[in-house]
N, C-alpha and C. Protein backbone atom coordinates (compact mmCIF):
# COMPACT_ATOMS: atom_id res chain seq x y z
N MET A 1 129.66 -200.45 102.18
CA MET A 1 129.05 -199.19 102.39
C MET A 1 129.63 -198.15 101.44
N ARG A 2 128.77 -197.46 100.98
CA ARG A 2 129.17 -196.44 100.05
C ARG A 2 129.30 -195.09 100.76
N GLN A 3 130.39 -194.42 100.48
CA GLN A 3 130.56 -193.10 101.07
C GLN A 3 130.00 -192.05 100.13
N ILE A 4 129.21 -191.24 100.73
CA ILE A 4 128.64 -190.15 99.95
C ILE A 4 129.39 -188.89 100.33
N SER A 5 130.03 -188.31 99.39
CA SER A 5 130.74 -187.06 99.66
C SER A 5 129.77 -185.91 99.45
N GLN A 6 129.81 -185.05 100.38
CA GLN A 6 128.94 -183.89 100.26
C GLN A 6 129.66 -182.80 99.46
N CYS A 7 128.98 -182.33 98.53
CA CYS A 7 129.54 -181.27 97.69
C CYS A 7 129.04 -179.93 98.21
N ARG A 8 129.95 -179.19 98.69
CA ARG A 8 129.58 -177.87 99.22
C ARG A 8 129.97 -176.82 98.19
N GLY A 9 129.06 -175.93 97.89
CA GLY A 9 129.33 -174.87 96.93
C GLY A 9 130.29 -173.84 97.51
N ARG A 10 131.06 -173.29 96.64
CA ARG A 10 131.98 -172.25 97.08
C ARG A 10 131.29 -170.90 96.92
N GLY A 11 131.51 -170.01 97.90
CA GLY A 11 130.90 -168.70 97.87
C GLY A 11 130.56 -168.23 99.26
N PHE A 12 129.73 -167.21 99.31
CA PHE A 12 129.36 -166.62 100.59
C PHE A 12 127.91 -166.93 100.90
N THR A 13 127.63 -167.08 102.16
CA THR A 13 126.23 -167.26 102.55
C THR A 13 125.58 -165.88 102.59
N LEU A 14 124.30 -165.89 102.62
CA LEU A 14 123.55 -164.64 102.66
C LEU A 14 123.86 -163.87 103.95
N ILE A 15 124.01 -164.57 105.05
CA ILE A 15 124.32 -163.92 106.33
C ILE A 15 125.69 -163.24 106.26
N GLU A 16 126.69 -163.90 105.70
CA GLU A 16 128.02 -163.30 105.58
C GLU A 16 127.96 -162.05 104.72
N LEU A 17 127.23 -162.11 103.66
CA LEU A 17 127.08 -160.96 102.77
C LEU A 17 126.37 -159.80 103.47
N MET A 18 125.33 -160.09 104.23
CA MET A 18 124.59 -159.06 104.95
C MET A 18 125.45 -158.41 106.04
N VAL A 19 126.27 -159.20 106.73
CA VAL A 19 127.15 -158.65 107.75
C VAL A 19 128.17 -157.72 107.11
N THR A 20 128.72 -158.11 105.98
CA THR A 20 129.69 -157.28 105.27
C THR A 20 129.06 -155.96 104.82
N VAL A 21 127.86 -156.02 104.27
CA VAL A 21 127.17 -154.80 103.84
C VAL A 21 126.87 -153.91 105.04
N ALA A 22 126.49 -154.48 106.17
CA ALA A 22 126.21 -153.70 107.37
C ALA A 22 127.46 -152.99 107.87
N ILE A 23 128.60 -153.67 107.86
CA ILE A 23 129.86 -153.06 108.29
C ILE A 23 130.24 -151.90 107.38
N ILE A 24 130.10 -152.09 106.08
CA ILE A 24 130.42 -151.03 105.13
C ILE A 24 129.48 -149.84 105.33
N ALA A 25 128.21 -150.09 105.60
CA ALA A 25 127.25 -149.01 105.82
C ALA A 25 127.60 -148.21 107.07
N ILE A 26 128.01 -148.89 108.14
CA ILE A 26 128.39 -148.20 109.37
C ILE A 26 129.63 -147.33 109.14
N LEU A 27 130.62 -147.88 108.46
CA LEU A 27 131.84 -147.11 108.17
C LEU A 27 131.52 -145.89 107.30
N ALA A 28 130.64 -146.06 106.31
CA ALA A 28 130.26 -144.94 105.45
C ALA A 28 129.49 -143.88 106.22
N ALA A 29 128.62 -144.32 107.14
CA ALA A 29 127.82 -143.37 107.93
C ALA A 29 128.71 -142.50 108.81
N VAL A 30 129.82 -143.01 109.24
CA VAL A 30 130.75 -142.24 110.07
C VAL A 30 131.75 -141.49 109.19
N GLY A 31 132.26 -142.13 108.18
CA GLY A 31 133.35 -141.57 107.37
C GLY A 31 132.94 -140.44 106.44
N ILE A 32 131.80 -140.52 105.81
CA ILE A 32 131.40 -139.51 104.84
C ILE A 32 131.19 -138.14 105.49
N PRO A 33 130.44 -138.05 106.61
CA PRO A 33 130.32 -136.72 107.25
C PRO A 33 131.66 -136.17 107.74
N MET A 34 132.53 -137.03 108.25
CA MET A 34 133.84 -136.56 108.71
C MET A 34 134.65 -136.02 107.53
N TYR A 35 134.59 -136.71 106.40
CA TYR A 35 135.31 -136.26 105.22
C TYR A 35 134.75 -134.92 104.74
N ARG A 36 133.42 -134.78 104.73
CA ARG A 36 132.78 -133.54 104.30
C ARG A 36 133.22 -132.38 105.19
N ASP A 37 133.24 -132.59 106.51
CA ASP A 37 133.70 -131.55 107.43
C ASP A 37 135.17 -131.21 107.20
N HIS A 38 135.96 -132.22 106.90
CA HIS A 38 137.38 -131.99 106.64
C HIS A 38 137.57 -131.12 105.39
N VAL A 39 136.79 -131.39 104.36
CA VAL A 39 136.87 -130.60 103.13
C VAL A 39 136.45 -129.16 103.40
N ILE A 40 135.38 -128.98 104.17
CA ILE A 40 134.93 -127.62 104.50
C ILE A 40 135.99 -126.89 105.30
N ARG A 41 136.56 -127.55 106.31
CA ARG A 41 137.61 -126.92 107.12
C ARG A 41 138.81 -126.53 106.25
N GLY A 42 139.05 -127.26 105.20
CA GLY A 42 140.17 -126.96 104.31
C GLY A 42 140.00 -125.69 103.51
N HIS A 43 138.76 -125.22 103.34
CA HIS A 43 138.51 -123.98 102.59
C HIS A 43 138.57 -122.74 103.47
N ILE A 44 138.57 -122.90 104.77
CA ILE A 44 138.56 -121.74 105.67
C ILE A 44 139.92 -121.03 105.73
N PRO A 45 141.05 -121.73 105.91
CA PRO A 45 142.34 -121.01 106.00
C PRO A 45 142.67 -120.11 104.82
N PRO A 46 142.42 -120.52 103.57
CA PRO A 46 142.70 -119.58 102.48
C PRO A 46 141.84 -118.32 102.55
N ALA A 47 140.60 -118.44 103.02
CA ALA A 47 139.72 -117.27 103.12
C ALA A 47 140.22 -116.30 104.17
N ILE A 48 140.59 -116.80 105.34
CA ILE A 48 141.04 -115.88 106.38
C ILE A 48 142.43 -115.34 106.07
N ALA A 49 143.23 -116.12 105.34
CA ALA A 49 144.54 -115.60 104.91
C ALA A 49 144.35 -114.47 103.90
N THR A 50 143.37 -114.61 103.03
CA THR A 50 143.08 -113.55 102.07
C THR A 50 142.61 -112.29 102.78
N LEU A 51 141.76 -112.45 103.81
CA LEU A 51 141.33 -111.28 104.58
C LEU A 51 142.52 -110.60 105.26
N ALA A 52 143.42 -111.39 105.83
CA ALA A 52 144.60 -110.82 106.49
C ALA A 52 145.48 -110.08 105.47
N GLU A 53 145.62 -110.65 104.29
CA GLU A 53 146.41 -110.01 103.24
C GLU A 53 145.75 -108.71 102.78
N MET A 54 144.43 -108.73 102.64
CA MET A 54 143.72 -107.52 102.25
C MET A 54 143.88 -106.43 103.31
N ARG A 55 143.83 -106.82 104.58
CA ARG A 55 144.01 -105.85 105.66
C ARG A 55 145.39 -105.21 105.59
N LEU A 56 146.40 -106.03 105.33
CA LEU A 56 147.76 -105.51 105.21
C LEU A 56 147.84 -104.49 104.07
N LYS A 57 147.21 -104.80 102.95
CA LYS A 57 147.21 -103.87 101.82
C LYS A 57 146.45 -102.59 102.15
N MET A 58 145.39 -102.72 102.95
CA MET A 58 144.65 -101.53 103.38
C MET A 58 145.54 -100.63 104.23
N GLU A 59 146.31 -101.23 105.11
CA GLU A 59 147.21 -100.43 105.96
C GLU A 59 148.31 -99.77 105.13
N GLN A 60 148.82 -100.48 104.13
CA GLN A 60 149.82 -99.89 103.24
C GLN A 60 149.22 -98.73 102.46
N TYR A 61 147.98 -98.90 102.01
CA TYR A 61 147.30 -97.83 101.30
C TYR A 61 147.11 -96.62 102.21
N PHE A 62 146.74 -96.86 103.46
CA PHE A 62 146.56 -95.77 104.41
C PHE A 62 147.86 -95.03 104.67
N GLN A 63 148.97 -95.76 104.76
CA GLN A 63 150.27 -95.12 104.97
C GLN A 63 150.62 -94.18 103.81
N ASP A 64 150.25 -94.59 102.60
CA ASP A 64 150.56 -93.76 101.43
C ASP A 64 149.60 -92.59 101.24
N ASN A 65 148.32 -92.79 101.61
CA ASN A 65 147.30 -91.80 101.29
C ASN A 65 146.64 -91.14 102.50
N ARG A 66 146.93 -91.61 103.69
CA ARG A 66 146.38 -91.10 104.94
C ARG A 66 144.85 -91.22 105.00
N LYS A 67 144.29 -92.14 104.24
CA LYS A 67 142.86 -92.43 104.26
C LYS A 67 142.63 -93.79 103.60
N TYR A 68 141.51 -94.41 103.92
CA TYR A 68 141.16 -95.69 103.31
C TYR A 68 140.25 -95.50 102.10
N THR A 69 139.68 -94.33 101.96
CA THR A 69 138.75 -94.06 100.87
C THR A 69 139.39 -94.43 99.53
N ASP A 70 138.63 -95.06 98.67
CA ASP A 70 139.04 -95.47 97.32
C ASP A 70 140.05 -96.61 97.30
N ALA A 71 140.36 -97.21 98.43
CA ALA A 71 141.33 -98.30 98.45
C ALA A 71 140.81 -99.57 97.78
N CYS A 72 139.49 -99.73 97.72
CA CYS A 72 138.91 -100.97 97.18
C CYS A 72 138.20 -100.79 95.85
N ASN A 73 138.33 -99.64 95.22
CA ASN A 73 137.70 -99.44 93.92
C ASN A 73 138.37 -100.29 92.86
N ASN A 74 137.71 -100.43 91.72
CA ASN A 74 138.31 -101.21 90.62
C ASN A 74 139.67 -100.64 90.26
N GLY A 75 140.65 -101.52 90.16
CA GLY A 75 142.00 -101.10 89.83
C GLY A 75 142.80 -100.65 91.03
N ALA A 76 142.16 -100.51 92.18
CA ALA A 76 142.86 -100.11 93.40
C ALA A 76 143.67 -101.29 93.93
N PRO A 77 144.66 -101.01 94.77
CA PRO A 77 145.53 -102.08 95.26
C PRO A 77 144.84 -103.10 96.15
N VAL A 78 143.67 -102.79 96.68
CA VAL A 78 142.99 -103.70 97.59
C VAL A 78 141.68 -104.20 96.98
N ALA A 79 141.60 -104.28 95.70
CA ALA A 79 140.39 -104.78 95.06
C ALA A 79 140.12 -106.20 95.54
N PRO A 80 138.90 -106.48 96.01
CA PRO A 80 138.59 -107.81 96.52
C PRO A 80 138.83 -108.89 95.47
N PRO A 81 139.52 -109.96 95.84
CA PRO A 81 139.80 -111.04 94.88
C PRO A 81 138.56 -111.91 94.66
N THR A 82 138.65 -112.78 93.68
CA THR A 82 137.58 -113.73 93.41
C THR A 82 137.97 -115.10 93.95
N SER A 83 136.96 -115.86 94.32
CA SER A 83 137.17 -117.18 94.88
C SER A 83 135.95 -118.04 94.58
N ASN A 84 136.14 -119.34 94.48
CA ASN A 84 135.00 -120.24 94.26
C ASN A 84 134.21 -120.48 95.54
N GLU A 85 134.86 -120.31 96.69
CA GLU A 85 134.22 -120.64 97.97
C GLU A 85 133.72 -119.42 98.74
N PHE A 86 134.32 -118.25 98.52
CA PHE A 86 133.96 -117.05 99.27
C PHE A 86 133.83 -115.85 98.35
N THR A 87 132.96 -114.92 98.76
CA THR A 87 132.84 -113.63 98.11
C THR A 87 133.46 -112.61 99.05
N PHE A 88 134.48 -111.92 98.59
CA PHE A 88 135.18 -110.94 99.42
C PHE A 88 134.64 -109.54 99.11
N SER A 89 134.50 -108.75 100.16
CA SER A 89 134.01 -107.38 99.97
C SER A 89 134.73 -106.44 100.91
N CYS A 90 134.63 -105.17 100.57
CA CYS A 90 135.32 -104.12 101.31
C CYS A 90 134.32 -103.00 101.57
N ASP A 91 134.12 -102.66 102.82
CA ASP A 91 133.21 -101.58 103.19
C ASP A 91 134.01 -100.48 103.87
N ILE A 92 133.95 -99.29 103.32
CA ILE A 92 134.70 -98.15 103.87
C ILE A 92 133.69 -97.05 104.24
N PRO A 93 133.19 -97.07 105.48
CA PRO A 93 132.19 -96.06 105.87
C PRO A 93 132.79 -94.68 106.14
N GLY A 94 134.08 -94.61 106.40
CA GLY A 94 134.73 -93.32 106.65
C GLY A 94 136.17 -93.37 106.19
N ALA A 95 136.82 -92.22 106.19
CA ALA A 95 138.20 -92.14 105.71
C ALA A 95 139.17 -92.93 106.57
N GLU A 96 138.80 -93.21 107.82
CA GLU A 96 139.73 -93.89 108.73
C GLU A 96 139.18 -95.22 109.25
N THR A 97 138.16 -95.74 108.61
CA THR A 97 137.59 -97.03 109.04
C THR A 97 137.29 -97.90 107.83
N PHE A 98 137.37 -99.21 108.04
CA PHE A 98 136.99 -100.17 107.01
C PHE A 98 136.60 -101.48 107.66
N THR A 99 135.86 -102.28 106.92
CA THR A 99 135.54 -103.65 107.30
C THR A 99 135.67 -104.50 106.05
N LEU A 100 136.48 -105.54 106.15
CA LEU A 100 136.65 -106.49 105.06
C LEU A 100 135.85 -107.74 105.43
N SER A 101 135.17 -108.33 104.45
CA SER A 101 134.32 -109.49 104.72
C SER A 101 134.59 -110.61 103.72
N ALA A 102 134.43 -111.83 104.21
CA ALA A 102 134.45 -113.02 103.36
C ALA A 102 133.16 -113.77 103.66
N VAL A 103 132.28 -113.87 102.67
CA VAL A 103 131.00 -114.53 102.83
C VAL A 103 131.02 -115.81 102.00
N GLY A 104 130.75 -116.93 102.66
CA GLY A 104 130.81 -118.22 101.98
C GLY A 104 129.73 -118.39 100.93
N LYS A 105 130.07 -119.16 99.90
CA LYS A 105 129.10 -119.48 98.86
C LYS A 105 129.29 -120.95 98.48
N GLY A 106 128.30 -121.52 97.84
CA GLY A 106 128.36 -122.94 97.49
C GLY A 106 128.36 -123.79 98.75
N LYS A 107 129.31 -124.71 98.84
CA LYS A 107 129.37 -125.58 100.02
C LYS A 107 129.82 -124.84 101.26
N MET A 108 130.29 -123.60 101.12
CA MET A 108 130.72 -122.79 102.27
C MET A 108 129.63 -121.80 102.71
N THR A 109 128.43 -121.93 102.17
CA THR A 109 127.33 -121.05 102.54
C THR A 109 127.09 -121.11 104.04
N GLY A 110 126.93 -119.96 104.64
CA GLY A 110 126.69 -119.88 106.07
C GLY A 110 127.87 -119.34 106.84
N PHE A 111 129.05 -119.33 106.25
CA PHE A 111 130.25 -118.80 106.90
C PHE A 111 130.43 -117.33 106.52
N THR A 112 130.67 -116.49 107.51
CA THR A 112 130.99 -115.09 107.25
C THR A 112 132.08 -114.65 108.22
N TYR A 113 133.18 -114.17 107.68
CA TYR A 113 134.32 -113.70 108.47
C TYR A 113 134.56 -112.23 108.15
N THR A 114 134.94 -111.46 109.18
CA THR A 114 135.24 -110.05 108.97
C THR A 114 136.51 -109.65 109.73
N ILE A 115 137.09 -108.55 109.28
CA ILE A 115 138.23 -107.92 109.97
C ILE A 115 138.13 -106.42 109.71
N ASN A 116 138.56 -105.62 110.67
CA ASN A 116 138.47 -104.17 110.49
C ASN A 116 139.82 -103.50 110.70
N GLN A 117 139.82 -102.16 110.71
CA GLN A 117 141.05 -101.39 110.81
C GLN A 117 141.75 -101.60 112.15
N ASN A 118 141.06 -102.06 113.16
CA ASN A 118 141.66 -102.32 114.47
C ASN A 118 142.13 -103.77 114.61
N ASN A 119 142.11 -104.52 113.52
CA ASN A 119 142.49 -105.93 113.49
C ASN A 119 141.56 -106.79 114.35
N GLU A 120 140.31 -106.39 114.45
CA GLU A 120 139.31 -107.16 115.17
C GLU A 120 138.75 -108.22 114.22
N LYS A 121 139.07 -109.46 114.51
CA LYS A 121 138.65 -110.59 113.69
C LYS A 121 137.36 -111.15 114.26
N LYS A 122 136.36 -111.30 113.42
CA LYS A 122 135.07 -111.80 113.89
C LYS A 122 134.51 -112.83 112.93
N THR A 123 133.82 -113.79 113.51
CA THR A 123 133.00 -114.71 112.75
C THR A 123 131.57 -114.26 112.99
N THR A 124 130.94 -113.70 111.98
CA THR A 124 129.61 -113.14 112.17
C THR A 124 128.50 -114.11 111.82
N ALA A 125 128.82 -115.21 111.14
CA ALA A 125 127.81 -116.21 110.81
C ALA A 125 128.48 -117.57 110.62
N LEU A 126 127.78 -118.61 111.06
CA LEU A 126 128.22 -119.99 110.90
C LEU A 126 127.02 -120.85 110.52
N PRO A 127 127.24 -121.96 109.82
CA PRO A 127 126.14 -122.91 109.63
C PRO A 127 125.66 -123.40 111.00
N SER A 128 124.41 -123.74 111.09
CA SER A 128 123.82 -124.11 112.38
C SER A 128 124.50 -125.30 113.04
N ASN A 129 125.05 -126.23 112.27
CA ASN A 129 125.70 -127.40 112.86
C ASN A 129 127.15 -127.15 113.26
N TRP A 130 127.63 -125.92 113.15
CA TRP A 130 129.01 -125.60 113.52
C TRP A 130 129.11 -124.94 114.88
N GLY A 131 128.01 -124.70 115.55
CA GLY A 131 128.06 -124.15 116.89
C GLY A 131 127.72 -122.67 116.92
N SER A 132 127.97 -122.07 118.08
CA SER A 132 127.64 -120.65 118.27
C SER A 132 128.73 -119.76 117.69
N VAL A 133 128.38 -118.52 117.49
CA VAL A 133 129.31 -117.55 116.90
C VAL A 133 130.01 -116.78 118.02
N PRO A 134 131.33 -116.95 118.18
CA PRO A 134 132.05 -116.16 119.18
C PRO A 134 132.23 -114.72 118.71
N ALA A 135 132.54 -113.86 119.63
CA ALA A 135 132.59 -112.44 119.32
C ALA A 135 133.88 -112.02 118.61
N THR A 136 135.02 -112.53 119.02
CA THR A 136 136.28 -111.95 118.51
C THR A 136 137.30 -112.98 118.06
N CYS A 137 136.91 -113.86 117.17
CA CYS A 137 137.88 -114.77 116.56
C CYS A 137 137.30 -115.33 115.28
N TRP A 138 138.14 -115.94 114.48
CA TRP A 138 137.69 -116.62 113.26
C TRP A 138 137.54 -118.10 113.58
N VAL A 139 136.35 -118.62 113.51
CA VAL A 139 136.09 -120.02 113.81
C VAL A 139 136.63 -120.87 112.67
N THR A 140 137.46 -121.83 113.05
CA THR A 140 138.07 -122.72 112.05
C THR A 140 137.74 -124.19 112.30
N LYS A 141 137.05 -124.48 113.42
CA LYS A 141 136.73 -125.86 113.77
C LYS A 141 135.26 -125.99 114.11
N LYS A 142 134.70 -127.12 113.78
CA LYS A 142 133.32 -127.39 114.13
C LYS A 142 133.17 -127.36 115.64
N GLY A 143 132.10 -126.78 116.12
CA GLY A 143 131.91 -126.63 117.55
C GLY A 143 132.27 -125.25 118.04
N GLY A 144 132.69 -124.36 117.14
CA GLY A 144 133.00 -122.99 117.50
C GLY A 144 134.43 -122.74 117.91
N GLY A 145 135.34 -123.69 117.64
CA GLY A 145 136.75 -123.50 118.00
C GLY A 145 137.49 -122.58 117.05
N CYS A 146 138.32 -121.73 117.63
CA CYS A 146 139.10 -120.77 116.83
C CYS A 146 140.50 -121.30 116.56
């Protein structure tokens, strides 16, 4: 009797390959949005830190001049800085009041943070998938967490 050896090819079957692709797709479907949210959350702390720093400079300006007027003009000590993620602005409606704002741009579009002379921190706008806007805090987490 002659023995016939079966020659089996080396490699992967189509089913094994399809299962591997399915696993990678599931991991990507979960991982990519989480990574995107993590990157967005990483741009928020520098923006609110800049607002806090601007507020401090506004108070120093007020101590020296007894008014906020002209504190944010070109060349003034509180001139709004530039950023790739946020546009900073300064609104001075009266000599003793101000509102500083950081409005998101690019991938941060939809975020708006403010602070005023009374140190009232507000999130006035959020992207729709980040939850509701609370009245008196800076939202730093998805779901409206401060």
